[in-house]
C-alpha atoms as a PDB file:
ATOM      1  CA  MET A   1      93.791  88.176 132.342  1.00  0.00           C
ATOM      2  CA  ILE A   2      95.167  84.757 131.484  1.00  0.00           C
ATOM      3  CA  ASP A   3      98.357  84.345 129.486  1.00  0.00           C
ATOM      4  CA  LYS A   4      97.996  82.188 126.427  1.00  0.00           C
ATOM      5  CA  ILE A   5     100.643  80.537 124.246  1.00  0.00           C
ATOM      6  CA  ILE A   6      99.950  80.741 120.525  1.00  0.00           C
ATOM      7  CA  ASP A   7     101.804  79.479 117.476  1.00  0.00           C
ATOM      8  CA  ILE A   8     102.772  81.959 114.794  1.00  0.00           C
ATOM      9  CA  GLU A   9     104.564  81.469 111.512  1.00  0.00           C
ATOM     10  CA  ILE A  10     106.977  83.953 110.056  1.00  0.00           C
ATOM     11  CA  TYR A  11     108.904  83.215 106.906  1.00  0.00           C
ATOM     12  CA  GLY A  12     108.174  79.504 107.100  1.00  0.00           C
ATOM     13  CA  ARG A  13     109.265  79.061 110.719  1.00  0.00           C
ATOM     14  CA  LEU A  14     106.956  78.377 113.621  1.00  0.00           C
ATOM     15  CA  TYR A  15     107.307  80.259 116.887  1.00  0.00           C
ATOM     16  CA  LYS A  16     105.439  80.007 120.172  1.00  0.00           C
ATOM     17  CA  ILE A  17     104.679  83.304 121.839  1.00  0.00           C
ATOM     18  CA  ARG A  18     102.784  84.318 124.959  1.00  0.00           C
ATOM     19  CA  VAL A  19      99.868  86.730 124.590  1.00  0.00           C
ATOM     20  CA  LYS A  20      97.462  88.273 127.068  1.00  0.00           C
ATOM     21  CA  GLY A  21      93.811  88.380 126.078  1.00  0.00           C
ATOM     22  CA  GLU A  22      91.948  88.429 122.782  1.00  0.00           C
ATOM     23  CA  GLU A  23      93.044  91.924 121.738  1.00  0.00           C
ATOM     24  CA  ASP A  24      96.703  91.020 122.009  1.00  0.00           C
ATOM     25  CA  GLU A  25      96.079  87.948 119.882  1.00  0.00           C
ATOM     26  CA  LYS A  26      94.509  90.075 117.138  1.00  0.00           C
ATOM     27  CA  THR A  27      97.421  92.492 117.277  1.00  0.00           C
ATOM     28  CA  ILE A  28      99.954  89.645 117.203  1.00  0.00           C
ATOM     29  CA  SER A  29      98.230  88.264 114.109  1.00  0.00           C
ATOM     30  CA  GLN A  30      98.506  91.631 112.354  1.00  0.00           C
ATOM     31  CA  VAL A  31     102.133  92.092 113.366  1.00  0.00           C
ATOM     32  CA  THR A  32     103.000  88.532 112.341  1.00  0.00           C
ATOM     33  CA  SER A  33     101.441  89.022 108.907  1.00  0.00           C
ATOM     34  CA  PHE A  34     103.232  92.334 108.486  1.00  0.00           C
ATOM     35  CA  VAL A  35     106.659  90.942 109.396  1.00  0.00           C
ATOM     36  CA  ASP A  36     106.134  87.825 107.265  1.00  0.00           C
ATOM     37  CA  GLN A  37     105.118  89.936 104.270  1.00  0.00           C
ATOM     38  CA  ARG A  38     108.055  92.288 104.731  1.00  0.00           C
ATOM     39  CA  MET A  39     110.498  89.373 104.921  1.00  0.00           C
ATOM     40  CA  HIS A  40     109.105  87.886 101.712  1.00  0.00           C
ATOM     41  CA  GLU A  41     109.415  91.267  99.976  1.00  0.00           C
ATOM     42  CA  ILE A  42     113.022  91.636 101.141  1.00  0.00           C
ATOM     43  CA  ALA A  43     113.858  88.072 100.064  1.00  0.00           C
ATOM     44  CA  ALA A  44     112.468  88.713  96.579  1.00  0.00           C
ATOM     45  CA  LYS A  45     114.433  91.949  96.210  1.00  0.00           C
ATOM     46  CA  SER A  46     117.713  90.761  97.701  1.00  0.00           C
ATOM     47  CA  LYS A  47     117.695  87.278  96.147  1.00  0.00           C
ATOM     48  CA  SER A  48     119.146  86.042  99.434  1.00  0.00           C
ATOM     49  CA  THR A  49     118.255  82.661 100.869  1.00  0.00           C
ATOM     50  CA  ASP A  50     119.773  83.335 104.295  1.00  0.00           C
ATOM     51  CA  PRO A  51     116.811  83.769 106.681  1.00  0.00           C
ATOM     52  CA  LEU A  52     118.931  85.649 109.226  1.00  0.00           C
ATOM     53  CA  LYS A  53     120.083  88.195 106.637  1.00  0.00           C
ATOM     54  CA  ILE A  54     116.497  88.582 105.404  1.00  0.00           C
ATOM     55  CA  ALA A  55     115.258  89.059 108.983  1.00  0.00           C
ATOM     56  CA  VAL A  56     117.901  91.715 109.701  1.00  0.00           C
ATOM     57  CA  LEU A  57     117.157  93.571 106.460  1.00  0.00           C
ATOM     58  CA  ALA A  58     113.428  93.426 107.196  1.00  0.00           C
ATOM     59  CA  ALA A  59     114.046  94.732 110.730  1.00  0.00           C
ATOM     60  CA  LEU A  60     116.108  97.601 109.338  1.00  0.00           C
ATOM     61  CA  ASN A  61     113.396  98.465 106.827  1.00  0.00           C
ATOM     62  CA  ILE A  62     110.688  98.345 109.496  1.00  0.00           C
ATOM     63  CA  ALA A  63     112.797 100.487 111.840  1.00  0.00           C
ATOM     64  CA  ASP A  64     113.389 102.992 109.032  1.00  0.00           C
ATOM     65  CA  ASP A  65     109.630 103.199 108.416  1.00  0.00           C
ATOM     66  CA  PHE A  66     109.057 103.660 112.143  1.00  0.00           C
ATOM     67  CA  PHE A  67     111.528 106.535 112.467  1.00  0.00           C
ATOM     68  CA  LEU A  68     110.185 108.210 109.317  1.00  0.00           C
ATOM     69  CA  THR A  69     106.639 107.967 110.667  1.00  0.00           C
ATOM     70  CA  ARG A  70     107.730 109.298 114.054  1.00  0.00           C
ATOM     71  CA  ARG A  71     109.413 112.298 112.381  1.00  0.00           C
ATOM     72  CA  LYS A  72     106.219 112.993 110.424  1.00  0.00           C
ATOM     73  CA  LEU A  73     104.131 112.773 113.597  1.00  0.00           C
ATOM     74  CA  ASP A  74     106.507 115.166 115.357  1.00  0.00           C
ATOM     75  CA  GLN A  75     106.133 117.598 112.446  1.00  0.00           C
ATOM     76  CA  MET A  76     102.356 117.253 112.598  1.00  0.00           C
ATOM     77  CA  ASP A  77     102.443 117.910 116.349  1.00  0.00           C
ATOM     78  CA  ASP A  78     104.417 121.093 115.686  1.00  0.00           C
ATOM     79  CA  VAL A  79     101.908 122.218 113.060  1.00  0.00           C
ATOM     80  CA  MET A  80      98.989 121.405 115.371  1.00  0.00           C
ATOM     81  CA  GLY A  81     100.632 123.421 118.135  1.00  0.00           C
ATOM     82  CA  ARG A  82     100.964 126.423 115.828  1.00  0.00           C
ATOM     83  CA  VAL A  83      97.357 126.045 114.653  1.00  0.00           C
ATOM     84  CA  GLU A  84      96.114 125.848 118.258  1.00  0.00           C
ATOM     85  CA  THR A  85      98.112 128.966 119.149  1.00  0.00           C
ATOM     86  CA  ALA A  86      96.732 130.816 116.135  1.00  0.00           C
ATOM     87  CA  MET A  87      93.184 129.759 117.037  1.00  0.00           C
ATOM     88  CA  ASP A  88      93.651 130.918 120.630  1.00  0.00           C
ATOM     89  CA  ASP A  89      94.973 134.264 119.400  1.00  0.00           C
ATOM     90  CA  LEU A  90      92.048 134.610 116.998  1.00  0.00           C
ATOM     91  CA  GLU A  91      89.558 133.729 119.729  1.00  0.00           C
ATOM     92  CA  LYS A  92      91.109 136.362 122.035  1.00  0.00           C
ATOM     93  CA  ARG A  93      90.933 138.985 119.280  1.00  0.00           C
ATOM     94  CA  LEU A  94      87.328 138.114 118.494  1.00  0.00           C
ATOM     95  CA  THR A  95      86.401 138.258 122.162  1.00  0.00           C
ATOM     96  CA  THR A  96      88.154 141.606 122.520  1.00  0.00           C
ATOM     97  CA  ASP A  97      86.457 142.898 119.344  1.00  0.00           C
ATOM     98  CA  ASP A  98      83.053 141.705 120.611  1.00  0.00           C
ATOM     99  CA  HIS A  99      83.568 143.524 123.923  1.00  0.00           C
ATOM    100  CA  ALA A 100      84.688 146.636 122.073  1.00  0.00           C
ATOM    101  CA  SER A 101      81.618 146.474 119.793  1.00  0.00           C
ATOM    102  CA  LEU A 102      79.309 146.112 122.779  1.00  0.00           C
ATOM    103  CA  SER A 103      80.949 149.106 124.472  1.00  0.00           C
ATOM    104  CA  ILE A 104      80.533 151.203 121.335  1.00  0.00           C
ATOM    105  CA  GLU A 105      76.878 150.138 120.960  1.00  0.00           C
ATOM    106  CA  LYS A 106      76.150 150.951 124.611  1.00  0.00           C
ATOM    107  CA  ALA A 107      77.839 154.323 124.232  1.00  0.00           C
ATOM    108  CA  ALA A 108      75.752 155.090 121.145  1.00  0.00           C
ATOM    109  CA  LEU A 109      72.513 154.401 123.035  1.00  0.00           C
END
């Protein structure tokens, strides 16, 4: 895979970054748009004109979203683990009940 240098623009400033392959370029475009949008939102709310302050506030907001999402995913993993355990237990009980039913049917014959 060949490295490629592309130009991106975030909050009115141009940056050159290195990407690998077409997929990375698509992802970089999405990330760039997201960060640019977040910085503009922060600038409008904070009324600040200092790009560094806006960048730091945007980074903090993005990090907060990341940690919140990670906590939610961890909670979902816990729930999925409990559901899988409950399903396994139910499957074992059904299998045991099926074997018991077959034994009773055979005994009745």
